[in-house]
C-alpha cells in the first residue's frame, strides 16, 4: 500500500512537526509506503493534491486539522485524474471535527493510521458550494452569520484550541445582530430574520454537537437556522449546543436538504470547515457518497 501524505507541520501549534518522525515510522511499521508532501503556506494542500498523479497511490492522507482536510478535498476535486482513490484522515490539528464523527481525536493518530492500514473505505457525502462563480467543497460544515463571526475570532485565538470558539461566542454576543435571509431548501423558499445558518455534513462543529441527527452518507445536508433572539437568552442557551439540545429552542429550525440557495440583505462571509472563504449569495449541493474515506 502506498499513499500520498499531505502533512501540515504547523498543525496543532507545530506539534505535528515534532511528531513527524514518529508518524513516518508508524506508517512504515504498518506496511504503508508514502510520499511525504508538507504544506508550506495557506492552500498549498490544494495545489499538492490537484497536481498529483493519483494513479500512483492507494490513498491520499490529510494530516492536520479541518483546514488541511478542506484543502485536500478541494485539491482532490480539482485533480483531472480519472482514478479516484480514498482519502485518509490523520487528525493532528487543533480542530478535527470531521474526525470526531469517526471517533478519532488528535491524541489518537496511531489509531488513524491503523484505520488506513485496514484499506476499508466508506463512501461519504460531500458538500459543494458556489460563491460568485468559484466552486468549493467541504466534508464537515459550512456556516454564515454569527458562526462565521465566531470562527474569525477563533482563528485569532487558535492557540487555545476548541476553547477559542467558546470565547468567540461570548465576544460576538456583545455585538449580536440579525440579518435578513432568503433560503431556498429543495425548491421551498423561506424568509427569515436570521442570526446564523449552519449547513452540516457531520454532527460536530468544533466541540459543538451542532447537528445531532446528521449522517455522513445519507444524501442530505443538515441545515440549522437560528432566528432572532436576545443576548441574554443566547448566553443562557449556549451550553445546550454541547449536547445538541439547542435544536429544541423555539428560535431554532432544522431541515434536511439536497440543494440549498441562500441570499442575504448584506454580503455575509462563509466559513467552510473552519476556513473563511466566499460570501453570499451561494448555492449548495450535497454530492451523495461523493468520495471514499478510509473508515473502521
C-alpha atoms as a PDB file:
ATOM      1  CA  UNK A   1       0.000   0.000   0.000  1.00  0.00           C
ATOM      2  CA  UNK A   2       1.252   3.470  -0.893  1.00  0.00           C
ATOM      3  CA  UNK A   3      -0.286   6.835  -0.031  1.00  0.00           C
ATOM      4  CA  UNK A   4       0.251  10.489  -0.771  1.00  0.00           C
ATOM      5  CA  UNK A   5       0.780  12.018   2.679  1.00  0.00           C
ATOM      6  CA  UNK A   6      -0.223  15.700   2.702  1.00  0.00           C
ATOM      7  CA  UNK A   7       1.230  16.850   6.007  1.00  0.00           C
ATOM      8  CA  UNK A   8       0.739  20.208   7.728  1.00  0.00           C
ATOM      9  CA  UNK A   9       3.785  20.663  10.005  1.00  0.00           C
ATOM     10  CA  UNK A  10       2.179  23.745  11.577  1.00  0.00           C
ATOM     11  CA  UNK A  11      -0.889  21.821  12.775  1.00  0.00           C
ATOM     12  CA  UNK A  12      -1.515  21.510  16.495  1.00  0.00           C
ATOM     13  CA  UNK A  13       0.643  24.580  17.230  1.00  0.00           C
ATOM     14  CA  UNK A  14       3.575  22.912  15.422  1.00  0.00           C
ATOM     15  CA  UNK A  15       3.173  19.705  17.426  1.00  0.00           C
ATOM     16  CA  UNK A  16       2.746  17.985  14.063  1.00  0.00           C
ATOM     17  CA  UNK A  17       6.322  18.876  13.123  1.00  0.00           C
ATOM     18  CA  UNK A  18       7.664  17.380  16.362  1.00  0.00           C
ATOM     19  CA  UNK A  19       5.892  14.052  15.933  1.00  0.00           C
ATOM     20  CA  UNK A  20       6.593  13.679  12.194  1.00  0.00           C
ATOM     21  CA  UNK A  21       9.452  11.150  12.705  1.00  0.00           C
ATOM     22  CA  UNK A  22       7.120   9.018  14.860  1.00  0.00           C
ATOM     23  CA  UNK A  23       4.358   9.291  12.267  1.00  0.00           C
ATOM     24  CA  UNK A  24       6.692   8.243   9.445  1.00  0.00           C
ATOM     25  CA  UNK A  25       7.983   5.302  11.481  1.00  0.00           C
ATOM     26  CA  UNK A  26       4.480   4.086  12.309  1.00  0.00           C
ATOM     27  CA  UNK A  27       3.353   4.241   8.679  1.00  0.00           C
ATOM     28  CA  UNK A  28       6.273   2.014   7.747  1.00  0.00           C
ATOM     29  CA  UNK A  29       5.596  -0.281  10.699  1.00  0.00           C
ATOM     30  CA  UNK A  30       2.068  -0.795   9.367  1.00  0.00           C
ATOM     31  CA  UNK A  31       3.429  -1.611   5.912  1.00  0.00           C
ATOM     32  CA  UNK A  32       2.318   1.663   4.309  1.00  0.00           C
ATOM     33  CA  UNK A  33       4.692   3.378   1.914  1.00  0.00           C
ATOM     34  CA  UNK A  34       4.219   7.107   1.485  1.00  0.00           C
ATOM     35  CA  UNK A  35       5.294  10.134  -0.485  1.00  0.00           C
ATOM     36  CA  UNK A  36       5.531  12.971   2.023  1.00  0.00           C
ATOM     37  CA  UNK A  37       4.424  16.429   0.893  1.00  0.00           C
ATOM     38  CA  UNK A  38       4.463  19.114   3.569  1.00  0.00           C
ATOM     39  CA  UNK A  39       2.264  22.187   3.228  1.00  0.00           C
ATOM     40  CA  UNK A  40       4.292  25.389   3.393  1.00  0.00           C
ATOM     41  CA  UNK A  41       1.591  28.030   3.047  1.00  0.00           C
ATOM     42  CA  UNK A  42      -2.176  28.568   3.104  1.00  0.00           C
ATOM     43  CA  UNK A  43      -3.963  26.482   0.419  1.00  0.00           C
ATOM     44  CA  UNK A  44      -0.719  24.701  -0.518  1.00  0.00           C
ATOM     45  CA  UNK A  45      -2.525  21.412   0.097  1.00  0.00           C
ATOM     46  CA  UNK A  46      -4.982  22.223  -2.690  1.00  0.00           C
ATOM     47  CA  UNK A  47      -2.119  22.629  -5.166  1.00  0.00           C
ATOM     48  CA  UNK A  48      -0.334  19.471  -4.000  1.00  0.00           C
ATOM     49  CA  UNK A  49      -3.349  17.219  -4.464  1.00  0.00           C
ATOM     50  CA  UNK A  50      -4.569  18.945  -7.626  1.00  0.00           C
ATOM     51  CA  UNK A  51      -1.217  18.353  -9.357  1.00  0.00           C
ATOM     52  CA  UNK A  52      -0.626  14.803  -8.080  1.00  0.00           C
ATOM     53  CA  UNK A  53      -0.798  11.686 -10.258  1.00  0.00           C
ATOM     54  CA  UNK A  54      -3.338   9.862  -8.124  1.00  0.00           C
ATOM     55  CA  UNK A  55      -2.926   6.670 -10.141  1.00  0.00           C
ATOM     56  CA  UNK A  56       0.365   6.119  -8.304  1.00  0.00           C
ATOM     57  CA  UNK A  57      -1.339   5.814  -4.914  1.00  0.00           C
ATOM     58  CA  UNK A  58      -3.854   3.746  -2.995  1.00  0.00           C
ATOM     59  CA  UNK A  59      -4.990   6.758  -0.999  1.00  0.00           C
ATOM     60  CA  UNK A  60      -4.310  10.390  -0.149  1.00  0.00           C
ATOM     61  CA  UNK A  61      -3.972  11.264   3.539  1.00  0.00           C
ATOM     62  CA  UNK A  62      -4.869  14.642   5.039  1.00  0.00           C
ATOM     63  CA  UNK A  63      -2.588  15.060   8.053  1.00  0.00           C
ATOM     64  CA  UNK A  64      -3.507  18.142  10.056  1.00  0.00           C
ATOM     65  CA  UNK A  65      -6.774  19.716  11.196  1.00  0.00           C
ATOM     66  CA  UNK A  66     -10.037  20.518   9.445  1.00  0.00           C
ATOM     67  CA  UNK A  67      -8.285  23.170   7.338  1.00  0.00           C
ATOM     68  CA  UNK A  68      -5.887  20.587   5.908  1.00  0.00           C
ATOM     69  CA  UNK A  69      -8.778  18.255   5.116  1.00  0.00           C
ATOM     70  CA  UNK A  70     -10.571  21.157   3.401  1.00  0.00           C
ATOM     71  CA  UNK A  71      -7.519  21.763   1.204  1.00  0.00           C
ATOM     72  CA  UNK A  72      -7.162  18.067   0.362  1.00  0.00           C
ATOM     73  CA  UNK A  73     -10.817  17.614  -0.651  1.00  0.00           C
ATOM     74  CA  UNK A  74     -10.679  20.743  -2.826  1.00  0.00           C
ATOM     75  CA  UNK A  75      -7.461  19.633  -4.498  1.00  0.00           C
ATOM     76  CA  UNK A  76      -8.995  16.189  -4.950  1.00  0.00           C
ATOM     77  CA  UNK A  77     -11.971  17.553  -6.877  1.00  0.00           C
ATOM     78  CA  UNK A  78      -9.759  19.796  -9.000  1.00  0.00           C
ATOM     79  CA  UNK A  79      -7.495  16.893  -9.924  1.00  0.00           C
ATOM     80  CA  UNK A  80      -8.156  15.810 -13.519  1.00  0.00           C
ATOM     81  CA  UNK A  81      -7.145  12.187 -12.962  1.00  0.00           C
ATOM     82  CA  UNK A  82      -9.839   9.631 -13.777  1.00  0.00           C
ATOM     83  CA  UNK A  83      -8.570   7.497 -10.906  1.00  0.00           C
ATOM     84  CA  UNK A  84     -10.372   8.373  -7.661  1.00  0.00           C
ATOM     85  CA  UNK A  85      -8.724   6.972  -4.559  1.00  0.00           C
ATOM     86  CA  UNK A  86      -9.878   7.009  -0.922  1.00  0.00           C
ATOM     87  CA  UNK A  87      -8.979   9.806   1.482  1.00  0.00           C
ATOM     88  CA  UNK A  88      -7.370   9.052   4.814  1.00  0.00           C
ATOM     89  CA  UNK A  89      -7.741  11.253   7.906  1.00  0.00           C
ATOM     90  CA  UNK A  90      -4.790  11.808  10.248  1.00  0.00           C
ATOM     91  CA  UNK A  91      -6.138  14.223  12.905  1.00  0.00           C
ATOM     92  CA  UNK A  92      -3.174  16.072  14.365  1.00  0.00           C
ATOM     93  CA  UNK A  93      -4.527  19.627  14.313  1.00  0.00           C
ATOM     94  CA  UNK A  94      -6.301  21.815  16.851  1.00  0.00           C
ATOM     95  CA  UNK A  95      -9.668  21.323  15.180  1.00  0.00           C
ATOM     96  CA  UNK A  96     -10.649  17.859  13.993  1.00  0.00           C
ATOM     97  CA  UNK A  97     -14.438  17.996  13.820  1.00  0.00           C
ATOM     98  CA  UNK A  98     -14.779  15.589  10.894  1.00  0.00           C
ATOM     99  CA  UNK A  99     -12.549  13.088  12.681  1.00  0.00           C
ATOM    100  CA  UNK A 100     -14.842  13.231  15.734  1.00  0.00           C
ATOM    101  CA  UNK A 101     -17.572  11.591  13.666  1.00  0.00           C
ATOM    102  CA  UNK A 102     -15.055   8.775  13.181  1.00  0.00           C
ATOM    103  CA  UNK A 103     -14.460   8.781  16.966  1.00  0.00           C
ATOM    104  CA  UNK A 104     -10.895   9.910  16.374  1.00  0.00           C
ATOM    105  CA  UNK A 105      -9.083  12.616  18.332  1.00  0.00           C
ATOM    106  CA  UNK A 106      -5.736  14.325  17.814  1.00  0.00           C
ATOM    107  CA  UNK A 107      -4.132  12.183  20.503  1.00  0.00           C
ATOM    108  CA  UNK A 108      -5.190   9.032  18.619  1.00  0.00           C
ATOM    109  CA  UNK A 109      -3.134   9.464  15.477  1.00  0.00           C
ATOM    110  CA  UNK A 110      -1.864   5.868  15.647  1.00  0.00           C
ATOM    111  CA  UNK A 111      -5.481   4.666  15.601  1.00  0.00           C
ATOM    112  CA  UNK A 112      -5.994   6.760  12.457  1.00  0.00           C
ATOM    113  CA  UNK A 113      -3.059   5.065  10.738  1.00  0.00           C
ATOM    114  CA  UNK A 114      -4.400   1.669  11.848  1.00  0.00           C
ATOM    115  CA  UNK A 115      -7.659   2.534  10.089  1.00  0.00           C
ATOM    116  CA  UNK A 116      -5.839   3.493   6.880  1.00  0.00           C
ATOM    117  CA  UNK A 117      -3.927   0.202   7.004  1.00  0.00           C
ATOM    118  CA  UNK A 118      -7.234  -1.721   7.042  1.00  0.00           C
ATOM    119  CA  UNK A 119      -7.908  -0.462   3.494  1.00  0.00           C
ATOM    120  CA  UNK A 120     -11.650  -0.459   4.205  1.00  0.00           C
ATOM    121  CA  UNK A 121     -13.052   2.704   2.609  1.00  0.00           C
ATOM    122  CA  UNK A 122     -16.570   4.005   3.152  1.00  0.00           C
ATOM    123  CA  UNK A 123     -18.432   6.274   0.743  1.00  0.00           C
ATOM    124  CA  UNK A 124     -19.406   9.589   2.352  1.00  0.00           C
ATOM    125  CA  UNK A 125     -21.251  12.674   1.191  1.00  0.00           C
ATOM    126  CA  UNK A 126     -19.509  15.854   0.083  1.00  0.00           C
ATOM    127  CA  UNK A 127     -20.883  19.377   0.233  1.00  0.00           C
ATOM    128  CA  UNK A 128     -20.315  21.603  -2.797  1.00  0.00           C
ATOM    129  CA  UNK A 129     -20.921  25.328  -2.807  1.00  0.00           C
ATOM    130  CA  UNK A 130     -20.634  28.036  -5.435  1.00  0.00           C
ATOM    131  CA  UNK A 131     -19.841  31.594  -4.374  1.00  0.00           C
ATOM    132  CA  UNK A 132     -19.540  34.289  -7.058  1.00  0.00           C
ATOM    133  CA  UNK A 133     -18.526  31.807  -9.728  1.00  0.00           C
ATOM    134  CA  UNK A 134     -15.984  29.942  -7.564  1.00  0.00           C
ATOM    135  CA  UNK A 135     -16.650  26.320  -6.602  1.00  0.00           C
ATOM    136  CA  UNK A 136     -15.523  24.769  -3.321  1.00  0.00           C
ATOM    137  CA  UNK A 137     -16.102  21.509  -1.476  1.00  0.00           C
ATOM    138  CA  UNK A 138     -16.432  20.626   2.210  1.00  0.00           C
ATOM    139  CA  UNK A 139     -16.715  17.461   4.267  1.00  0.00           C
ATOM    140  CA  UNK A 140     -17.662  18.964   7.610  1.00  0.00           C
ATOM    141  CA  UNK A 141     -19.688  22.193   7.710  1.00  0.00           C
ATOM    142  CA  UNK A 142     -20.476  25.477   6.008  1.00  0.00           C
ATOM    143  CA  UNK A 143     -21.660  28.390   8.112  1.00  0.00           C
ATOM    144  CA  UNK A 144     -22.512  32.065   7.835  1.00  0.00           C
ATOM    145  CA  UNK A 145     -23.636  34.856  10.115  1.00  0.00           C
ATOM    146  CA  UNK A 146     -22.833  34.550  13.820  1.00  0.00           C
ATOM    147  CA  UNK A 147     -20.973  31.247  13.361  1.00  0.00           C
ATOM    148  CA  UNK A 148     -18.646  32.796  10.767  1.00  0.00           C
ATOM    149  CA  UNK A 149     -18.030  35.775  13.052  1.00  0.00           C
ATOM    150  CA  UNK A 150     -17.131  33.362  15.863  1.00  0.00           C
ATOM    151  CA  UNK A 151     -14.770  31.480  13.539  1.00  0.00           C
ATOM    152  CA  UNK A 152     -12.998  34.734  12.711  1.00  0.00           C
ATOM    153  CA  UNK A 153     -12.292  35.262  16.415  1.00  0.00           C
ATOM    154  CA  UNK A 154     -11.376  31.598  16.925  1.00  0.00           C
ATOM    155  CA  UNK A 155      -8.740  31.737  14.193  1.00  0.00           C
ATOM    156  CA  UNK A 156      -7.059  34.616  16.021  1.00  0.00           C
ATOM    157  CA  UNK A 157      -7.119  32.593  19.257  1.00  0.00           C
ATOM    158  CA  UNK A 158      -6.206  29.276  17.636  1.00  0.00           C
ATOM    159  CA  UNK A 159      -3.519  28.592  20.215  1.00  0.00           C
ATOM    160  CA  UNK A 160      -6.358  27.886  22.690  1.00  0.00           C
ATOM    161  CA  UNK A 161      -7.777  25.043  20.592  1.00  0.00           C
ATOM    162  CA  UNK A 162     -11.540  24.444  20.711  1.00  0.00           C
ATOM    163  CA  UNK A 163     -11.811  26.841  23.672  1.00  0.00           C
ATOM    164  CA  UNK A 164     -11.238  29.636  21.154  1.00  0.00           C
ATOM    165  CA  UNK A 165     -14.709  29.017  19.698  1.00  0.00           C
ATOM    166  CA  UNK A 166     -16.347  29.351  23.103  1.00  0.00           C
ATOM    167  CA  UNK A 167     -14.528  32.632  23.731  1.00  0.00           C
ATOM    168  CA  UNK A 168     -15.562  33.786  20.262  1.00  0.00           C
ATOM    169  CA  UNK A 169     -19.211  33.149  21.123  1.00  0.00           C
ATOM    170  CA  UNK A 170     -19.012  35.370  24.208  1.00  0.00           C
ATOM    171  CA  UNK A 171     -17.222  38.170  22.395  1.00  0.00           C
ATOM    172  CA  UNK A 172     -19.535  38.210  19.374  1.00  0.00           C
ATOM    173  CA  UNK A 173     -22.639  38.075  21.574  1.00  0.00           C
ATOM    174  CA  UNK A 174     -21.853  41.628  22.676  1.00  0.00           C
ATOM    175  CA  UNK A 175     -22.323  42.831  19.091  1.00  0.00           C
ATOM    176  CA  UNK A 176     -25.167  40.447  18.248  1.00  0.00           C
ATOM    177  CA  UNK A 177     -27.237  41.494  15.239  1.00  0.00           C
ATOM    178  CA  UNK A 178     -29.664  39.666  12.991  1.00  0.00           C
ATOM    179  CA  UNK A 179     -29.809  39.946   9.208  1.00  0.00           C
ATOM    180  CA  UNK A 180     -32.425  39.335   6.529  1.00  0.00           C
ATOM    181  CA  UNK A 181     -32.157  35.942   4.889  1.00  0.00           C
ATOM    182  CA  UNK A 182     -33.838  34.207   1.970  1.00  0.00           C
ATOM    183  CA  UNK A 183     -33.068  30.496   1.928  1.00  0.00           C
ATOM    184  CA  UNK A 184     -34.410  28.026  -0.613  1.00  0.00           C
ATOM    185  CA  UNK A 185     -34.342  24.402   0.521  1.00  0.00           C
ATOM    186  CA  UNK A 186     -35.058  21.840  -2.197  1.00  0.00           C
ATOM    187  CA  UNK A 187     -37.227  24.376  -4.006  1.00  0.00           C
ATOM    188  CA  UNK A 188     -39.105  25.717  -0.948  1.00  0.00           C
ATOM    189  CA  UNK A 189     -38.331  29.370  -0.126  1.00  0.00           C
ATOM    190  CA  UNK A 190     -38.168  30.742   3.421  1.00  0.00           C
ATOM    191  CA  UNK A 191     -37.602  34.341   4.521  1.00  0.00           C
ATOM    192  CA  UNK A 192     -36.115  34.796   7.969  1.00  0.00           C
ATOM    193  CA  UNK A 193     -34.676  37.345  10.384  1.00  0.00           C
ATOM    194  CA  UNK A 194     -31.549  35.298  10.978  1.00  0.00           C
ATOM    195  CA  UNK A 195     -28.623  35.073  13.405  1.00  0.00           C
ATOM    196  CA  UNK A 196     -26.805  32.175  11.756  1.00  0.00           C
ATOM    197  CA  UNK A 197     -27.032  29.366   9.242  1.00  0.00           C
ATOM    198  CA  UNK A 198     -25.034  26.184   9.700  1.00  0.00           C
ATOM    199  CA  UNK A 199     -25.044  23.557   6.955  1.00  0.00           C
ATOM    200  CA  UNK A 200     -23.691  20.312   8.362  1.00  0.00           C
ATOM    201  CA  UNK A 201     -22.479  17.163   6.686  1.00  0.00           C
ATOM    202  CA  UNK A 202     -21.331  15.782  10.048  1.00  0.00           C
ATOM    203  CA  UNK A 203     -22.637  16.020  13.601  1.00  0.00           C
ATOM    204  CA  UNK A 204     -19.830  18.100  15.074  1.00  0.00           C
ATOM    205  CA  UNK A 205     -18.749  21.721  14.621  1.00  0.00           C
ATOM    206  CA  UNK A 206     -15.554  22.153  16.667  1.00  0.00           C
ATOM    207  CA  UNK A 207     -16.661  20.746  20.047  1.00  0.00           C
ATOM    208  CA  UNK A 208     -20.313  21.690  19.456  1.00  0.00           C
ATOM    209  CA  UNK A 209     -22.883  18.986  18.655  1.00  0.00           C
ATOM    210  CA  UNK A 210     -24.451  21.255  16.043  1.00  0.00           C
ATOM    211  CA  UNK A 211     -26.358  18.656  14.010  1.00  0.00           C
ATOM    212  CA  UNK A 212     -27.088  15.640  16.239  1.00  0.00           C
ATOM    213  CA  UNK A 213     -29.126  13.823  13.571  1.00  0.00           C
ATOM    214  CA  UNK A 214     -26.661  14.335  10.708  1.00  0.00           C
ATOM    215  CA  UNK A 215     -25.457  11.248   8.848  1.00  0.00           C
ATOM    216  CA  UNK A 216     -22.349  11.348   6.716  1.00  0.00           C
ATOM    217  CA  UNK A 217     -23.713   9.198   3.891  1.00  0.00           C
ATOM    218  CA  UNK A 218     -27.490   9.757   3.745  1.00  0.00           C
ATOM    219  CA  UNK A 219     -27.500  12.096   0.745  1.00  0.00           C
ATOM    220  CA  UNK A 220     -28.654  15.091   2.803  1.00  0.00           C
ATOM    221  CA  UNK A 221     -27.053  18.120   4.427  1.00  0.00           C
ATOM    222  CA  UNK A 222     -28.493  19.157   7.794  1.00  0.00           C
ATOM    223  CA  UNK A 223     -29.453  22.845   7.953  1.00  0.00           C
ATOM    224  CA  UNK A 224     -29.674  24.671  11.287  1.00  0.00           C
ATOM    225  CA  UNK A 225     -31.191  28.157  11.356  1.00  0.00           C
ATOM    226  CA  UNK A 226     -31.136  30.403  14.407  1.00  0.00           C
ATOM    227  CA  UNK A 227     -33.734  33.151  14.331  1.00  0.00           C
ATOM    228  CA  UNK A 228     -33.624  36.478  16.107  1.00  0.00           C
ATOM    229  CA  UNK A 229     -33.173  36.289  19.880  1.00  0.00           C
ATOM    230  CA  UNK A 230     -31.717  38.427  22.666  1.00  0.00           C
ATOM    231  CA  UNK A 231     -28.196  38.353  24.038  1.00  0.00           C
ATOM    232  CA  UNK A 232     -29.231  37.050  27.448  1.00  0.00           C
ATOM    233  CA  UNK A 233     -31.175  34.114  26.020  1.00  0.00           C
ATOM    234  CA  UNK A 234     -28.311  33.313  23.654  1.00  0.00           C
ATOM    235  CA  UNK A 235     -25.863  33.105  26.546  1.00  0.00           C
ATOM    236  CA  UNK A 236     -28.276  31.104  28.710  1.00  0.00           C
ATOM    237  CA  UNK A 237     -28.934  28.705  25.841  1.00  0.00           C
ATOM    238  CA  UNK A 238     -25.298  28.377  24.778  1.00  0.00           C
ATOM    239  CA  UNK A 239     -24.477  25.283  26.916  1.00  0.00           C
ATOM    240  CA  UNK A 240     -27.188  23.348  25.053  1.00  0.00           C
ATOM    241  CA  UNK A 241     -25.068  23.303  21.905  1.00  0.00           C
ATOM    242  CA  UNK A 242     -22.555  20.986  23.577  1.00  0.00           C
ATOM    243  CA  UNK A 243     -25.243  18.300  23.965  1.00  0.00           C
ATOM    244  CA  UNK A 244     -27.343  19.005  20.873  1.00  0.00           C
ATOM    245  CA  UNK A 245     -30.321  20.191  22.925  1.00  0.00           C
ATOM    246  CA  UNK A 246     -30.220  23.608  21.231  1.00  0.00           C
ATOM    247  CA  UNK A 247     -32.325  22.158  18.417  1.00  0.00           C
ATOM    248  CA  UNK A 248     -35.343  22.259  20.773  1.00  0.00           C
ATOM    249  CA  UNK A 249     -35.204  26.041  21.189  1.00  0.00           C
ATOM    250  CA  UNK A 250     -38.153  27.945  19.716  1.00  0.00           C
ATOM    251  CA  UNK A 251     -35.724  30.088  17.688  1.00  0.00           C
ATOM    252  CA  UNK A 252     -34.044  27.081  16.046  1.00  0.00           C
ATOM    253  CA  UNK A 253     -35.264  25.458  12.842  1.00  0.00           C
ATOM    254  CA  UNK A 254     -33.714  22.353  11.316  1.00  0.00           C
ATOM    255  CA  UNK A 255     -34.048  20.904   7.830  1.00  0.00           C
ATOM    256  CA  UNK A 256     -32.543  18.130   5.747  1.00  0.00           C
ATOM    257  CA  UNK A 257     -31.691  19.246   2.235  1.00  0.00           C
ATOM    258  CA  UNK A 258     -30.117  18.119  -1.007  1.00  0.00           C
ATOM    259  CA  UNK A 259     -29.883  21.580  -2.574  1.00  0.00           C
ATOM    260  CA  UNK A 260     -29.797  24.984  -0.877  1.00  0.00           C
ATOM    261  CA  UNK A 261     -29.695  28.561  -2.114  1.00  0.00           C
ATOM    262  CA  UNK A 262     -29.015  31.490   0.207  1.00  0.00           C
ATOM    263  CA  UNK A 263     -29.330  35.232  -0.263  1.00  0.00           C
ATOM    264  CA  UNK A 264     -28.728  37.859   2.430  1.00  0.00           C
ATOM    265  CA  UNK A 265     -29.520  41.565   2.608  1.00  0.00           C
ATOM    266  CA  UNK A 266     -25.810  42.290   3.011  1.00  0.00           C
ATOM    267  CA  UNK A 267     -22.930  40.023   1.879  1.00  0.00           C
ATOM    268  CA  UNK A 268     -22.052  37.528   4.617  1.00  0.00           C
ATOM    269  CA  UNK A 269     -18.685  35.788   4.889  1.00  0.00           C
ATOM    270  CA  UNK A 270     -18.708  31.975   4.756  1.00  0.00           C
ATOM    271  CA  UNK A 271     -16.864  29.546   6.962  1.00  0.00           C
ATOM    272  CA  UNK A 272     -16.407  26.136   5.305  1.00  0.00           C
ATOM    273  CA  UNK A 273     -14.639  23.616   7.556  1.00  0.00           C
ATOM    274  CA  UNK A 274     -13.297  26.364   9.816  1.00  0.00           C
ATOM    275  CA  UNK A 275     -11.873  28.465   6.986  1.00  0.00           C
ATOM    276  CA  UNK A 276     -13.078  31.908   5.869  1.00  0.00           C
ATOM    277  CA  UNK A 277     -13.757  31.647   2.131  1.00  0.00           C
ATOM    278  CA  UNK A 278     -16.509  33.101  -0.053  1.00  0.00           C
ATOM    279  CA  UNK A 279     -19.513  35.348   0.541  1.00  0.00           C
ATOM    280  CA  UNK A 280     -23.241  35.189  -0.070  1.00  0.00           C
ATOM    281  CA  UNK A 281     -25.190  34.637  -2.259  1.00  0.00           C
ATOM    282  CA  UNK A 282     -24.369  30.941  -2.529  1.00  0.00           C
ATOM    283  CA  UNK A 283     -25.671  27.691  -3.958  1.00  0.00           C
ATOM    284  CA  UNK A 284     -25.002  24.466  -2.066  1.00  0.00           C
ATOM    285  CA  UNK A 285     -25.493  20.866  -3.113  1.00  0.00           C
ATOM    286  CA  UNK A 286     -24.973  17.510  -1.432  1.00  0.00           C
ATOM    287  CA  UNK A 287     -22.914  15.142  -3.585  1.00  0.00           C
ATOM    288  CA  UNK A 288     -24.269  11.812  -2.371  1.00  0.00           C
ATOM    289  CA  UNK A 289     -21.409   9.491  -1.417  1.00  0.00           C
ATOM    290  CA  UNK A 290     -19.084  11.647  -3.494  1.00  0.00           C
ATOM    291  CA  UNK A 291     -15.825  10.360  -2.045  1.00  0.00           C
ATOM    292  CA  UNK A 292     -14.420   7.330  -0.251  1.00  0.00           C
ATOM    293  CA  UNK A 293     -12.821   7.749   3.178  1.00  0.00           C
ATOM    294  CA  UNK A 294     -10.798   5.105   4.991  1.00  0.00           C
ATOM    295  CA  UNK A 295     -13.000   4.022   7.926  1.00  0.00           C
ATOM    296  CA  UNK A 296     -13.067   1.367  10.613  1.00  0.00           C
END
